[in-house]
Amino acid sequence: MIFLKFDKMKHLIFEKPTIAPQLINGIMIDFPFKIIQDGKNYERDIQTDHVFRLGLSTFLLIGWGLNIHEIAESSIVKMAYPFVESIIIDKTNDGTIKEYDEKY
Protein backbone atom coordinates (compact mmCIF):
# COMPACT_ATOMS: atom_id res chain seq x y z
CA MET A 1 0.00 0.00 0.00
CA ILE A 2 1.38 3.39 -1.00
CA PHE A 3 0.14 6.59 0.62
CA LEU A 4 0.52 9.77 -1.46
CA LYS A 5 -0.64 13.23 -0.39
CA PHE A 6 -0.76 15.58 -3.36
CA ASP A 7 -3.18 18.26 -2.21
CA LYS A 8 -4.04 19.91 1.10
CA MET A 9 -7.47 18.33 1.02
CA LYS A 10 -6.91 15.08 -0.92
CA HIS A 11 -4.62 12.10 -0.76
CA LEU A 12 -4.33 8.77 -2.57
CA ILE A 13 -3.83 5.29 -1.24
CA PHE A 14 -2.61 2.79 -3.83
CA GLU A 15 -3.33 -0.87 -3.17
CA LYS A 16 -1.57 -3.90 -4.60
CA PRO A 17 -1.83 -4.06 -8.42
CA THR A 18 -3.19 -7.24 -9.97
CA ILE A 19 -2.90 -8.81 -13.39
CA ALA A 20 -6.28 -8.64 -15.14
CA PRO A 21 -7.74 -11.01 -17.72
CA GLN A 22 -6.21 -10.08 -21.05
CA LEU A 23 -8.16 -9.21 -24.15
CA ILE A 24 -5.06 -8.04 -26.00
CA ASN A 25 -1.80 -9.75 -26.85
CA GLY A 26 0.19 -8.39 -23.93
CA ILE A 27 -0.57 -7.66 -20.30
CA MET A 28 -3.39 -5.89 -18.47
CA ILE A 29 -2.76 -4.50 -14.99
CA ASP A 30 -5.40 -3.22 -12.56
CA PHE A 31 -4.20 -0.51 -10.19
CA PRO A 32 -6.79 -0.16 -7.39
CA PHE A 33 -6.63 3.05 -5.37
CA LYS A 34 -8.66 5.19 -3.00
CA ILE A 35 -9.08 8.94 -3.02
CA ILE A 36 -9.64 10.38 0.43
CA GLN A 37 -10.90 13.94 0.61
CA ASP A 38 -10.57 15.54 4.03
CA GLY A 39 -13.82 16.75 5.51
CA LYS A 40 -14.25 20.43 6.32
CA ASN A 41 -14.45 21.37 9.99
CA TYR A 42 -16.20 18.46 11.68
CA GLU A 43 -17.45 16.68 8.57
CA ARG A 44 -16.32 13.13 7.87
CA ASP A 45 -13.67 12.35 5.27
CA ILE A 46 -15.01 11.20 1.90
CA GLN A 47 -13.43 8.03 0.54
CA THR A 48 -14.01 6.74 -2.99
CA ASP A 49 -12.67 3.51 -4.48
CA HIS A 50 -11.31 3.45 -8.02
CA VAL A 51 -9.53 1.08 -10.43
CA PHE A 52 -7.23 2.17 -13.24
CA ARG A 53 -6.60 -0.54 -15.85
CA LEU A 54 -3.49 -0.25 -17.98
CA GLY A 55 -3.02 -2.36 -21.10
CA LEU A 56 0.46 -2.91 -22.49
CA SER A 57 0.67 -4.72 -25.81
CA THR A 58 3.43 -7.16 -26.68
CA PHE A 59 4.63 -4.77 -29.40
CA LEU A 60 4.94 -1.91 -26.91
CA LEU A 61 6.98 -4.07 -24.52
CA ILE A 62 9.25 -5.17 -27.38
CA GLY A 63 9.58 -1.53 -28.44
CA TRP A 64 10.80 -0.72 -24.92
CA GLY A 65 13.55 -3.28 -25.48
CA LEU A 66 12.14 -5.96 -23.16
CA ASN A 67 12.41 -9.68 -23.71
CA ILE A 68 8.78 -10.56 -23.11
CA HIS A 69 9.54 -14.24 -22.53
CA GLU A 70 11.96 -13.61 -19.66
CA ILE A 71 10.62 -10.53 -17.84
CA ALA A 72 8.55 -11.00 -14.69
CA GLU A 73 5.11 -9.43 -14.38
CA SER A 74 6.21 -7.69 -11.18
CA SER A 75 8.95 -5.89 -13.13
CA ILE A 76 6.40 -4.62 -15.65
CA VAL A 77 4.20 -3.37 -12.79
CA LYS A 78 7.16 -1.49 -11.27
CA MET A 79 7.95 0.12 -14.64
CA ALA A 80 4.34 1.15 -15.27
CA TYR A 81 3.59 2.53 -11.78
CA PRO A 82 5.15 6.04 -12.23
CA PHE A 83 3.10 6.58 -15.42
CA VAL A 84 -0.11 5.42 -13.75
CA GLU A 85 0.53 7.61 -10.71
CA SER A 86 1.03 10.76 -12.81
CA ILE A 87 -2.08 10.03 -14.94
CA ILE A 88 -4.22 9.51 -11.82
CA ILE A 89 -2.96 12.70 -10.18
CA ASP A 90 -3.60 14.70 -13.37
CA LYS A 91 -7.12 13.27 -13.75
CA THR A 92 -7.90 13.94 -10.08
CA ASN A 93 -6.68 17.53 -10.32
CA ASP A 94 -8.69 18.33 -13.44
CA GLY A 95 -11.81 16.51 -12.21
CA THR A 96 -12.00 13.82 -14.92
CA ILE A 97 -11.31 10.82 -12.65
CA LYS A 98 -13.87 8.02 -12.89
CA GLU A 99 -14.61 5.03 -10.70
CA TYR A 100 -13.16 2.80 -13.41
CA ASP A 101 -10.81 3.96 -16.17
CA GLU A 102 -8.81 2.22 -18.89
CA LYS A 103 -5.74 3.27 -20.84
CA TYR A 104 -4.20 1.27 -23.72
C-alpha atoms as a PDB file:
ATOM      1  CA  MET A   1       0.000   0.000   0.000  1.00  0.00           C
ATOM      2  CA  ILE A   2       1.376   3.385  -1.003  1.00  0.00           C
ATOM      3  CA  PHE A   3       0.141   6.585   0.616  1.00  0.00           C
ATOM      4  CA  LEU A   4       0.515   9.766  -1.462  1.00  0.00           C
ATOM      5  CA  LYS A   5      -0.637  13.230  -0.391  1.00  0.00           C
ATOM      6  CA  PHE A   6      -0.764  15.576  -3.363  1.00  0.00           C
ATOM      7  CA  ASP A   7      -3.178  18.256  -2.213  1.00  0.00           C
ATOM      8  CA  LYS A   8      -4.039  19.905   1.102  1.00  0.00           C
ATOM      9  CA  MET A   9      -7.475  18.329   1.024  1.00  0.00           C
ATOM     10  CA  LYS A  10      -6.910  15.080  -0.924  1.00  0.00           C
ATOM     11  CA  HIS A  11      -4.622  12.098  -0.763  1.00  0.00           C
ATOM     12  CA  LEU A  12      -4.330   8.774  -2.575  1.00  0.00           C
ATOM     13  CA  ILE A  13      -3.831   5.290  -1.237  1.00  0.00           C
ATOM     14  CA  PHE A  14      -2.614   2.791  -3.833  1.00  0.00           C
ATOM     15  CA  GLU A  15      -3.332  -0.867  -3.169  1.00  0.00           C
ATOM     16  CA  LYS A  16      -1.572  -3.898  -4.602  1.00  0.00           C
ATOM     17  CA  PRO A  17      -1.831  -4.056  -8.421  1.00  0.00           C
ATOM     18  CA  THR A  18      -3.192  -7.241  -9.966  1.00  0.00           C
ATOM     19  CA  ILE A  19      -2.899  -8.805 -13.392  1.00  0.00           C
ATOM     20  CA  ALA A  20      -6.277  -8.644 -15.135  1.00  0.00           C
ATOM     21  CA  PRO A  21      -7.735 -11.012 -17.721  1.00  0.00           C
ATOM     22  CA  GLN A  22      -6.211 -10.084 -21.045  1.00  0.00           C
ATOM     23  CA  LEU A  23      -8.157  -9.211 -24.150  1.00  0.00           C
ATOM     24  CA  ILE A  24      -5.063  -8.040 -25.999  1.00  0.00           C
ATOM     25  CA  ASN A  25      -1.800  -9.752 -26.854  1.00  0.00           C
ATOM     26  CA  GLY A  26       0.187  -8.387 -23.933  1.00  0.00           C
ATOM     27  CA  ILE A  27      -0.565  -7.659 -20.295  1.00  0.00           C
ATOM     28  CA  MET A  28      -3.394  -5.888 -18.474  1.00  0.00           C
ATOM     29  CA  ILE A  29      -2.763  -4.502 -14.992  1.00  0.00           C
ATOM     30  CA  ASP A  30      -5.403  -3.225 -12.561  1.00  0.00           C
ATOM     31  CA  PHE A  31      -4.196  -0.506 -10.190  1.00  0.00           C
ATOM     32  CA  PRO A  32      -6.791  -0.159  -7.390  1.00  0.00           C
ATOM     33  CA  PHE A  33      -6.629   3.045  -5.368  1.00  0.00           C
ATOM     34  CA  LYS A  34      -8.663   5.190  -3.004  1.00  0.00           C
ATOM     35  CA  ILE A  35      -9.080   8.936  -3.016  1.00  0.00           C
ATOM     36  CA  ILE A  36      -9.644  10.377   0.430  1.00  0.00           C
ATOM     37  CA  GLN A  37     -10.897  13.943   0.614  1.00  0.00           C
ATOM     38  CA  ASP A  38     -10.570  15.540   4.030  1.00  0.00           C
ATOM     39  CA  GLY A  39     -13.824  16.750   5.514  1.00  0.00           C
ATOM     40  CA  LYS A  40     -14.252  20.427   6.322  1.00  0.00           C
ATOM     41  CA  ASN A  41     -14.447  21.372   9.992  1.00  0.00           C
ATOM     42  CA  TYR A  42     -16.202  18.460  11.684  1.00  0.00           C
ATOM     43  CA  GLU A  43     -17.446  16.679   8.566  1.00  0.00           C
ATOM     44  CA  ARG A  44     -16.323  13.134   7.868  1.00  0.00           C
ATOM     45  CA  ASP A  45     -13.674  12.353   5.271  1.00  0.00           C
ATOM     46  CA  ILE A  46     -15.005  11.203   1.898  1.00  0.00           C
ATOM     47  CA  GLN A  47     -13.429   8.027   0.539  1.00  0.00           C
ATOM     48  CA  THR A  48     -14.012   6.743  -2.994  1.00  0.00           C
ATOM     49  CA  ASP A  49     -12.673   3.508  -4.475  1.00  0.00           C
ATOM     50  CA  HIS A  50     -11.306   3.448  -8.019  1.00  0.00           C
ATOM     51  CA  VAL A  51      -9.533   1.085 -10.432  1.00  0.00           C
ATOM     52  CA  PHE A  52      -7.226   2.171 -13.242  1.00  0.00           C
ATOM     53  CA  ARG A  53      -6.604  -0.541 -15.855  1.00  0.00           C
ATOM     54  CA  LEU A  54      -3.489  -0.246 -17.979  1.00  0.00           C
ATOM     55  CA  GLY A  55      -3.021  -2.356 -21.103  1.00  0.00           C
ATOM     56  CA  LEU A  56       0.457  -2.910 -22.488  1.00  0.00           C
ATOM     57  CA  SER A  57       0.672  -4.720 -25.811  1.00  0.00           C
ATOM     58  CA  THR A  58       3.428  -7.155 -26.680  1.00  0.00           C
ATOM     59  CA  PHE A  59       4.626  -4.773 -29.397  1.00  0.00           C
ATOM     60  CA  LEU A  60       4.941  -1.913 -26.908  1.00  0.00           C
ATOM     61  CA  LEU A  61       6.981  -4.067 -24.524  1.00  0.00           C
ATOM     62  CA  ILE A  62       9.247  -5.174 -27.379  1.00  0.00           C
ATOM     63  CA  GLY A  63       9.577  -1.527 -28.439  1.00  0.00           C
ATOM     64  CA  TRP A  64      10.795  -0.721 -24.918  1.00  0.00           C
ATOM     65  CA  GLY A  65      13.551  -3.283 -25.484  1.00  0.00           C
ATOM     66  CA  LEU A  66      12.139  -5.959 -23.158  1.00  0.00           C
ATOM     67  CA  ASN A  67      12.408  -9.677 -23.712  1.00  0.00           C
ATOM     68  CA  ILE A  68       8.780 -10.562 -23.111  1.00  0.00           C
ATOM     69  CA  HIS A  69       9.538 -14.243 -22.528  1.00  0.00           C
ATOM     70  CA  GLU A  70      11.957 -13.611 -19.664  1.00  0.00           C
ATOM     71  CA  ILE A  71      10.624 -10.533 -17.837  1.00  0.00           C
ATOM     72  CA  ALA A  72       8.550 -11.004 -14.692  1.00  0.00           C
ATOM     73  CA  GLU A  73       5.111  -9.433 -14.385  1.00  0.00           C
ATOM     74  CA  SER A  74       6.207  -7.690 -11.179  1.00  0.00           C
ATOM     75  CA  SER A  75       8.947  -5.889 -13.129  1.00  0.00           C
ATOM     76  CA  ILE A  76       6.399  -4.624 -15.648  1.00  0.00           C
ATOM     77  CA  VAL A  77       4.196  -3.366 -12.790  1.00  0.00           C
ATOM     78  CA  LYS A  78       7.157  -1.491 -11.274  1.00  0.00           C
ATOM     79  CA  MET A  79       7.950   0.125 -14.641  1.00  0.00           C
ATOM     80  CA  ALA A  80       4.336   1.151 -15.270  1.00  0.00           C
ATOM     81  CA  TYR A  81       3.592   2.529 -11.784  1.00  0.00           C
ATOM     82  CA  PRO A  82       5.147   6.037 -12.233  1.00  0.00           C
ATOM     83  CA  PHE A  83       3.098   6.578 -15.415  1.00  0.00           C
ATOM     84  CA  VAL A  84      -0.110   5.419 -13.747  1.00  0.00           C
ATOM     85  CA  GLU A  85       0.534   7.614 -10.706  1.00  0.00           C
ATOM     86  CA  SER A  86       1.033  10.756 -12.813  1.00  0.00           C
ATOM     87  CA  ILE A  87      -2.080  10.028 -14.935  1.00  0.00           C
ATOM     88  CA  ILE A  88      -4.220   9.506 -11.825  1.00  0.00           C
ATOM     89  CA  ILE A  89      -2.958  12.703 -10.178  1.00  0.00           C
ATOM     90  CA  ASP A  90      -3.601  14.704 -13.369  1.00  0.00           C
ATOM     91  CA  LYS A  91      -7.118  13.268 -13.747  1.00  0.00           C
ATOM     92  CA  THR A  92      -7.900  13.936 -10.079  1.00  0.00           C
ATOM     93  CA  ASN A  93      -6.683  17.532 -10.320  1.00  0.00           C
ATOM     94  CA  ASP A  94      -8.694  18.333 -13.444  1.00  0.00           C
ATOM     95  CA  GLY A  95     -11.812  16.508 -12.206  1.00  0.00           C
ATOM     96  CA  THR A  96     -12.001  13.823 -14.915  1.00  0.00           C
ATOM     97  CA  ILE A  97     -11.306  10.821 -12.653  1.00  0.00           C
ATOM     98  CA  LYS A  98     -13.874   8.015 -12.886  1.00  0.00           C
ATOM     99  CA  GLU A  99     -14.614   5.034 -10.699  1.00  0.00           C
ATOM    100  CA  TYR A 100     -13.159   2.802 -13.411  1.00  0.00           C
ATOM    101  CA  ASP A 101     -10.813   3.961 -16.175  1.00  0.00           C
ATOM    102  CA  GLU A 102      -8.811   2.218 -18.893  1.00  0.00           C
ATOM    103  CA  LYS A 103      -5.736   3.271 -20.843  1.00  0.00           C
ATOM    104  CA  TYR A 104      -4.204   1.273 -23.724  1.00  0.00           C
END
